[in-house]
Amino acid sequence: MLTGDLTRATAVERLFTDAETALGTIDIAVNTTGKVLRKPIVETSEDEYDAMFDINSKAAYFFIKEAGKHLREGGKIITIVTALLAAFTDGYSTYAGGKSPVEHFTRAATKEFGERGISVTAIAPGPMDTPFFYGQETPERVEFYKSQALGNQLTQIEDIAPIVRFLATEGWWITGQTIFANGGYTTR
């Protein structure tokens, strides 16, 4: 298993170098790094802000950078962002704010890596049915999010996996896009 603190650019560089050593040529890189904090702006400390942006923005930036340096021609870079970028949900200023630059990083990397045929996309699921989400929400808010989603359910990991698989294989022509997925419903 390859691990590292992705909030440190040197650790991300080492991760890709170690992956090449262990696996050979890298075809696909999927960034699922993220951290959630649900807290009003007026209660957010500088340390919390820094931690959220380090994990949600900085880690994604250097992941995309190193993937662009290490992937083979025609490779795929896929990043998980959040559908909260398309809607306002109170308390998620640092989470959504930290993920929002990743959409720009995706578009910029598409332009920069395009000559090598590297596809760069982002997937933005709605609130997902994971412990990651439940630790931030009350049961009432969970029910509200379910009521807003297709089929009255939170997004399942199984809803996202086929999208990642598609983008990593025959979805080569979708690049520089953010794909929103919620409860099995997908839009571009």
C-alpha atoms as a PDB file:
ATOM      1  CA  MET A   1       0.000   0.000   0.000  1.00  0.00           C
ATOM      2  CA  LEU A   2       1.280   3.440  -0.924  1.00  0.00           C
ATOM      3  CA  THR A   3       0.447   6.233   1.501  1.00  0.00           C
ATOM      4  CA  GLY A   4       1.390   9.811   2.162  1.00  0.00           C
ATOM      5  CA  ASP A   5       0.217  13.149   3.496  1.00  0.00           C
ATOM      6  CA  LEU A   6      -1.308  14.602   0.334  1.00  0.00           C
ATOM      7  CA  THR A   7      -1.341  18.079   1.863  1.00  0.00           C
ATOM      8  CA  ARG A   8       2.435  18.145   1.293  1.00  0.00           C
ATOM      9  CA  ALA A   9       3.536  18.570  -2.322  1.00  0.00           C
ATOM     10  CA  THR A  10       6.690  16.509  -1.768  1.00  0.00           C
ATOM     11  CA  ALA A  11       4.596  13.614  -0.433  1.00  0.00           C
ATOM     12  CA  VAL A  12       2.357  13.701  -3.527  1.00  0.00           C
ATOM     13  CA  GLU A  13       5.439  13.686  -5.758  1.00  0.00           C
ATOM     14  CA  ARG A  14       6.841  10.712  -3.821  1.00  0.00           C
ATOM     15  CA  LEU A  15       3.481   8.901  -4.044  1.00  0.00           C
ATOM     16  CA  PHE A  16       3.528   9.058  -7.852  1.00  0.00           C
ATOM     17  CA  THR A  17       7.203   8.102  -8.039  1.00  0.00           C
ATOM     18  CA  ASP A  18       6.603   5.148  -5.711  1.00  0.00           C
ATOM     19  CA  ALA A  19       3.522   4.136  -7.724  1.00  0.00           C
ATOM     20  CA  GLU A  20       5.575   4.069 -10.939  1.00  0.00           C
ATOM     21  CA  THR A  21       8.238   2.001  -9.224  1.00  0.00           C
ATOM     22  CA  ALA A  22       5.693  -0.462  -7.813  1.00  0.00           C
ATOM     23  CA  LEU A  23       3.242  -0.626 -10.723  1.00  0.00           C
ATOM     24  CA  GLY A  24       5.037   0.592 -13.827  1.00  0.00           C
ATOM     25  CA  THR A  25       3.321   2.973 -16.229  1.00  0.00           C
ATOM     26  CA  ILE A  26       0.408   4.855 -14.678  1.00  0.00           C
ATOM     27  CA  ASP A  27      -2.713   4.976 -16.840  1.00  0.00           C
ATOM     28  CA  ILE A  28      -5.347   6.342 -14.458  1.00  0.00           C
ATOM     29  CA  ALA A  29      -5.196   8.550 -11.356  1.00  0.00           C
ATOM     30  CA  VAL A  30      -8.322   9.055  -9.225  1.00  0.00           C
ATOM     31  CA  ASN A  31      -8.268  11.644  -6.445  1.00  0.00           C
ATOM     32  CA  THR A  32     -10.875  11.015  -3.762  1.00  0.00           C
ATOM     33  CA  THR A  33      -9.167  13.046  -1.039  1.00  0.00           C
ATOM     34  CA  GLY A  34     -11.543  15.239   0.916  1.00  0.00           C
ATOM     35  CA  LYS A  35     -12.544  16.427   4.337  1.00  0.00           C
ATOM     36  CA  VAL A  36     -15.863  17.829   5.528  1.00  0.00           C
ATOM     37  CA  LEU A  37     -16.443  20.508   8.136  1.00  0.00           C
ATOM     38  CA  ARG A  38     -19.945  21.785   8.741  1.00  0.00           C
ATOM     39  CA  LYS A  39     -19.597  24.968  10.710  1.00  0.00           C
ATOM     40  CA  PRO A  40     -20.737  28.582  10.343  1.00  0.00           C
ATOM     41  CA  ILE A  41     -18.150  31.030   9.024  1.00  0.00           C
ATOM     42  CA  VAL A  42     -18.178  33.042  12.255  1.00  0.00           C
ATOM     43  CA  GLU A  43     -17.231  29.921  14.247  1.00  0.00           C
ATOM     44  CA  THR A  44     -14.484  28.648  11.915  1.00  0.00           C
ATOM     45  CA  SER A  45     -10.927  28.981  13.189  1.00  0.00           C
ATOM     46  CA  GLU A  46      -7.917  29.763  11.035  1.00  0.00           C
ATOM     47  CA  ASP A  47      -6.529  26.272  11.696  1.00  0.00           C
ATOM     48  CA  GLU A  48      -9.812  24.683  10.544  1.00  0.00           C
ATOM     49  CA  TYR A  49      -9.826  26.858   7.425  1.00  0.00           C
ATOM     50  CA  ASP A  50      -6.212  25.965   6.626  1.00  0.00           C
ATOM     51  CA  ALA A  51      -6.845  22.239   7.157  1.00  0.00           C
ATOM     52  CA  MET A  52      -9.919  22.288   4.905  1.00  0.00           C
ATOM     53  CA  PHE A  53      -8.172  24.107   2.065  1.00  0.00           C
ATOM     54  CA  ASP A  54      -5.021  22.016   2.427  1.00  0.00           C
ATOM     55  CA  ILE A  55      -6.986  18.799   1.997  1.00  0.00           C
ATOM     56  CA  ASN A  56      -9.694  19.913  -0.431  1.00  0.00           C
ATOM     57  CA  SER A  57      -7.727  22.321  -2.680  1.00  0.00           C
ATOM     58  CA  LYS A  58      -3.995  21.997  -2.203  1.00  0.00           C
ATOM     59  CA  ALA A  59      -3.953  18.184  -2.208  1.00  0.00           C
ATOM     60  CA  ALA A  60      -6.079  18.132  -5.388  1.00  0.00           C
ATOM     61  CA  TYR A  61      -3.846  20.686  -7.109  1.00  0.00           C
ATOM     62  CA  PHE A  62      -0.627  18.800  -6.473  1.00  0.00           C
ATOM     63  CA  PHE A  63      -2.312  15.457  -7.239  1.00  0.00           C
ATOM     64  CA  ILE A  64      -3.364  16.794 -10.657  1.00  0.00           C
ATOM     65  CA  LYS A  65       0.100  18.290 -11.172  1.00  0.00           C
ATOM     66  CA  GLU A  66       1.921  15.039 -10.434  1.00  0.00           C
ATOM     67  CA  ALA A  67      -0.599  12.977 -12.393  1.00  0.00           C
ATOM     68  CA  GLY A  68       0.058  15.261 -15.356  1.00  0.00           C
ATOM     69  CA  LYS A  69       3.779  14.651 -15.021  1.00  0.00           C
ATOM     70  CA  HIS A  70       3.598  10.886 -14.509  1.00  0.00           C
ATOM     71  CA  LEU A  71       0.631   9.567 -16.524  1.00  0.00           C
ATOM     72  CA  ARG A  72       1.211   7.989 -19.913  1.00  0.00           C
ATOM     73  CA  GLU A  73      -0.052   9.737 -23.020  1.00  0.00           C
ATOM     74  CA  GLY A  74      -3.823   9.245 -23.219  1.00  0.00           C
ATOM     75  CA  GLY A  75      -4.072   8.762 -19.436  1.00  0.00           C
ATOM     76  CA  LYS A  76      -7.035   9.751 -17.265  1.00  0.00           C
ATOM     77  CA  ILE A  77      -7.200  12.013 -14.214  1.00  0.00           C
ATOM     78  CA  ILE A  78     -10.474  11.924 -12.282  1.00  0.00           C
ATOM     79  CA  THR A  79     -11.184  13.990  -9.163  1.00  0.00           C
ATOM     80  CA  ILE A  80     -14.154  13.775  -6.811  1.00  0.00           C
ATOM     81  CA  VAL A  81     -15.541  17.206  -5.892  1.00  0.00           C
ATOM     82  CA  THR A  82     -19.058  17.952  -4.570  1.00  0.00           C
ATOM     83  CA  ALA A  83     -22.513  18.868  -5.838  1.00  0.00           C
ATOM     84  CA  LEU A  84     -22.587  21.431  -3.033  1.00  0.00           C
ATOM     85  CA  LEU A  85     -20.837  23.695  -5.542  1.00  0.00           C
ATOM     86  CA  ALA A  86     -24.092  23.866  -7.505  1.00  0.00           C
ATOM     87  CA  ALA A  87     -26.298  24.720  -4.533  1.00  0.00           C
ATOM     88  CA  PHE A  88     -26.047  26.564  -1.259  1.00  0.00           C
ATOM     89  CA  THR A  89     -26.102  24.420   1.852  1.00  0.00           C
ATOM     90  CA  ASP A  90     -25.558  26.256   5.109  1.00  0.00           C
ATOM     91  CA  GLY A  91     -22.506  25.466   7.176  1.00  0.00           C
ATOM     92  CA  TYR A  92     -20.350  24.132   4.342  1.00  0.00           C
ATOM     93  CA  SER A  93     -18.419  27.303   3.471  1.00  0.00           C
ATOM     94  CA  THR A  94     -14.980  25.781   3.975  1.00  0.00           C
ATOM     95  CA  TYR A  95     -15.877  22.420   2.403  1.00  0.00           C
ATOM     96  CA  ALA A  96     -17.529  23.781  -0.753  1.00  0.00           C
ATOM     97  CA  GLY A  97     -15.141  26.724  -0.823  1.00  0.00           C
ATOM     98  CA  GLY A  98     -12.164  24.382  -0.650  1.00  0.00           C
ATOM     99  CA  LYS A  99     -13.524  22.125  -3.393  1.00  0.00           C
ATOM    100  CA  SER A 100     -14.546  24.938  -5.774  1.00  0.00           C
ATOM    101  CA  PRO A 101     -11.005  25.692  -7.054  1.00  0.00           C
ATOM    102  CA  VAL A 102     -10.726  22.065  -8.158  1.00  0.00           C
ATOM    103  CA  GLU A 103     -13.171  22.735 -10.997  1.00  0.00           C
ATOM    104  CA  HIS A 104     -10.806  25.402 -12.290  1.00  0.00           C
ATOM    105  CA  PHE A 105      -7.771  23.151 -11.772  1.00  0.00           C
ATOM    106  CA  THR A 106      -9.613  20.535 -13.861  1.00  0.00           C
ATOM    107  CA  ARG A 107     -10.233  22.936 -16.758  1.00  0.00           C
ATOM    108  CA  ALA A 108      -6.688  24.327 -16.600  1.00  0.00           C
ATOM    109  CA  ALA A 109      -5.134  20.844 -16.562  1.00  0.00           C
ATOM    110  CA  THR A 110      -7.288  19.855 -19.532  1.00  0.00           C
ATOM    111  CA  LYS A 111      -5.712  22.649 -21.557  1.00  0.00           C
ATOM    112  CA  GLU A 112      -2.188  21.966 -20.309  1.00  0.00           C
ATOM    113  CA  PHE A 113      -2.275  18.167 -20.678  1.00  0.00           C
ATOM    114  CA  GLY A 114      -4.468  18.037 -23.791  1.00  0.00           C
ATOM    115  CA  GLU A 115      -1.563  17.760 -26.233  1.00  0.00           C
ATOM    116  CA  ARG A 116      -0.664  14.481 -24.545  1.00  0.00           C
ATOM    117  CA  GLY A 117      -4.249  13.237 -24.794  1.00  0.00           C
ATOM    118  CA  ILE A 118      -4.714  13.175 -21.010  1.00  0.00           C
ATOM    119  CA  SER A 119      -8.379  13.465 -20.029  1.00  0.00           C
ATOM    120  CA  VAL A 120      -9.067  15.455 -16.840  1.00  0.00           C
ATOM    121  CA  THR A 121     -12.550  15.377 -15.293  1.00  0.00           C
ATOM    122  CA  ALA A 122     -14.276  15.969 -11.978  1.00  0.00           C
ATOM    123  CA  ILE A 123     -17.279  14.134 -10.563  1.00  0.00           C
ATOM    124  CA  ALA A 124     -19.552  16.029  -8.165  1.00  0.00           C
ATOM    125  CA  PRO A 125     -21.760  13.653  -6.194  1.00  0.00           C
ATOM    126  CA  GLY A 126     -24.512  14.853  -3.937  1.00  0.00           C
ATOM    127  CA  PRO A 127     -24.355  13.999  -0.239  1.00  0.00           C
ATOM    128  CA  MET A 128     -23.129  10.419  -0.054  1.00  0.00           C
ATOM    129  CA  ASP A 129     -24.295   7.611   2.187  1.00  0.00           C
ATOM    130  CA  THR A 130     -20.979   7.271   4.054  1.00  0.00           C
ATOM    131  CA  PRO A 131     -19.752   7.823   7.618  1.00  0.00           C
ATOM    132  CA  PHE A 132     -17.909  10.844   6.156  1.00  0.00           C
ATOM    133  CA  PHE A 133     -21.301  12.556   5.717  1.00  0.00           C
ATOM    134  CA  TYR A 134     -23.219  11.341   8.767  1.00  0.00           C
ATOM    135  CA  GLY A 135     -20.654  12.737  11.201  1.00  0.00           C
ATOM    136  CA  GLN A 136     -21.597  16.267  10.098  1.00  0.00           C
ATOM    137  CA  GLU A 137     -25.384  16.069  10.020  1.00  0.00           C
ATOM    138  CA  THR A 138     -28.411  15.642  12.265  1.00  0.00           C
ATOM    139  CA  PRO A 139     -30.938  12.919  11.416  1.00  0.00           C
ATOM    140  CA  GLU A 140     -33.396  15.631  10.323  1.00  0.00           C
ATOM    141  CA  ARG A 141     -30.930  17.136   7.866  1.00  0.00           C
ATOM    142  CA  VAL A 142     -30.075  13.694   6.499  1.00  0.00           C
ATOM    143  CA  GLU A 143     -33.780  13.174   5.804  1.00  0.00           C
ATOM    144  CA  PHE A 144     -33.945  16.596   4.121  1.00  0.00           C
ATOM    145  CA  TYR A 145     -31.040  15.707   1.801  1.00  0.00           C
ATOM    146  CA  LYS A 146     -32.703  12.413   0.969  1.00  0.00           C
ATOM    147  CA  SER A 147     -35.942  14.242   0.129  1.00  0.00           C
ATOM    148  CA  GLN A 148     -34.057  16.421  -2.379  1.00  0.00           C
ATOM    149  CA  ALA A 149     -32.439  13.517  -4.223  1.00  0.00           C
ATOM    150  CA  LEU A 150     -33.766  11.174  -6.865  1.00  0.00           C
ATOM    151  CA  GLY A 151     -35.395   8.167  -5.222  1.00  0.00           C
ATOM    152  CA  ASN A 152     -35.302   9.830  -1.783  1.00  0.00           C
ATOM    153  CA  GLN A 153     -31.880   8.429  -1.072  1.00  0.00           C
ATOM    154  CA  LEU A 154     -28.368   9.714  -0.583  1.00  0.00           C
ATOM    155  CA  THR A 155     -25.854   9.057  -3.313  1.00  0.00           C
ATOM    156  CA  GLN A 156     -24.376   5.587  -2.984  1.00  0.00           C
ATOM    157  CA  ILE A 157     -20.764   4.709  -3.759  1.00  0.00           C
ATOM    158  CA  GLU A 158     -22.233   2.282  -6.302  1.00  0.00           C
ATOM    159  CA  ASP A 159     -23.772   5.302  -8.092  1.00  0.00           C
ATOM    160  CA  ILE A 160     -20.331   6.855  -8.583  1.00  0.00           C
ATOM    161  CA  ALA A 161     -18.252   3.781  -9.445  1.00  0.00           C
ATOM    162  CA  PRO A 162     -19.774   3.290 -12.949  1.00  0.00           C
ATOM    163  CA  ILE A 163     -19.128   6.961 -13.759  1.00  0.00           C
ATOM    164  CA  VAL A 164     -15.481   6.640 -12.699  1.00  0.00           C
ATOM    165  CA  ARG A 165     -15.179   3.418 -14.707  1.00  0.00           C
ATOM    166  CA  PHE A 166     -16.700   5.075 -17.787  1.00  0.00           C
ATOM    167  CA  LEU A 167     -14.400   8.103 -17.560  1.00  0.00           C
ATOM    168  CA  ALA A 168     -11.400   5.824 -17.068  1.00  0.00           C
ATOM    169  CA  THR A 169     -12.226   3.770 -20.163  1.00  0.00           C
ATOM    170  CA  GLU A 170     -14.421   4.789 -23.110  1.00  0.00           C
ATOM    171  CA  GLY A 171     -15.242   8.261 -21.728  1.00  0.00           C
ATOM    172  CA  TRP A 172     -12.036   9.719 -23.149  1.00  0.00           C
ATOM    173  CA  TRP A 173     -13.894  12.464 -25.018  1.00  0.00           C
ATOM    174  CA  ILE A 174     -15.306  14.049 -21.856  1.00  0.00           C
ATOM    175  CA  THR A 175     -12.627  16.346 -20.525  1.00  0.00           C
ATOM    176  CA  GLY A 176     -12.544  19.588 -18.575  1.00  0.00           C
ATOM    177  CA  GLN A 177     -16.055  18.864 -17.327  1.00  0.00           C
ATOM    178  CA  THR A 178     -17.646  18.480 -13.940  1.00  0.00           C
ATOM    179  CA  ILE A 179     -20.192  15.697 -13.878  1.00  0.00           C
ATOM    180  CA  PHE A 180     -22.873  15.994 -11.206  1.00  0.00           C
ATOM    181  CA  ALA A 181     -24.257  12.761  -9.794  1.00  0.00           C
ATOM    182  CA  ASN A 182     -26.972  12.429  -7.177  1.00  0.00           C
ATOM    183  CA  GLY A 183     -28.922   9.337  -6.278  1.00  0.00           C
ATOM    184  CA  GLY A 184     -28.159   7.674  -9.600  1.00  0.00           C
ATOM    185  CA  TYR A 185     -29.004  10.760 -11.672  1.00  0.00           C
ATOM    186  CA  THR A 186     -26.178  12.217 -13.703  1.00  0.00           C
ATOM    187  CA  THR A 187     -25.863  15.478 -15.587  1.00  0.00           C
ATOM    188  CA  ARG A 188     -22.998  17.355 -17.241  1.00  0.00           C
END
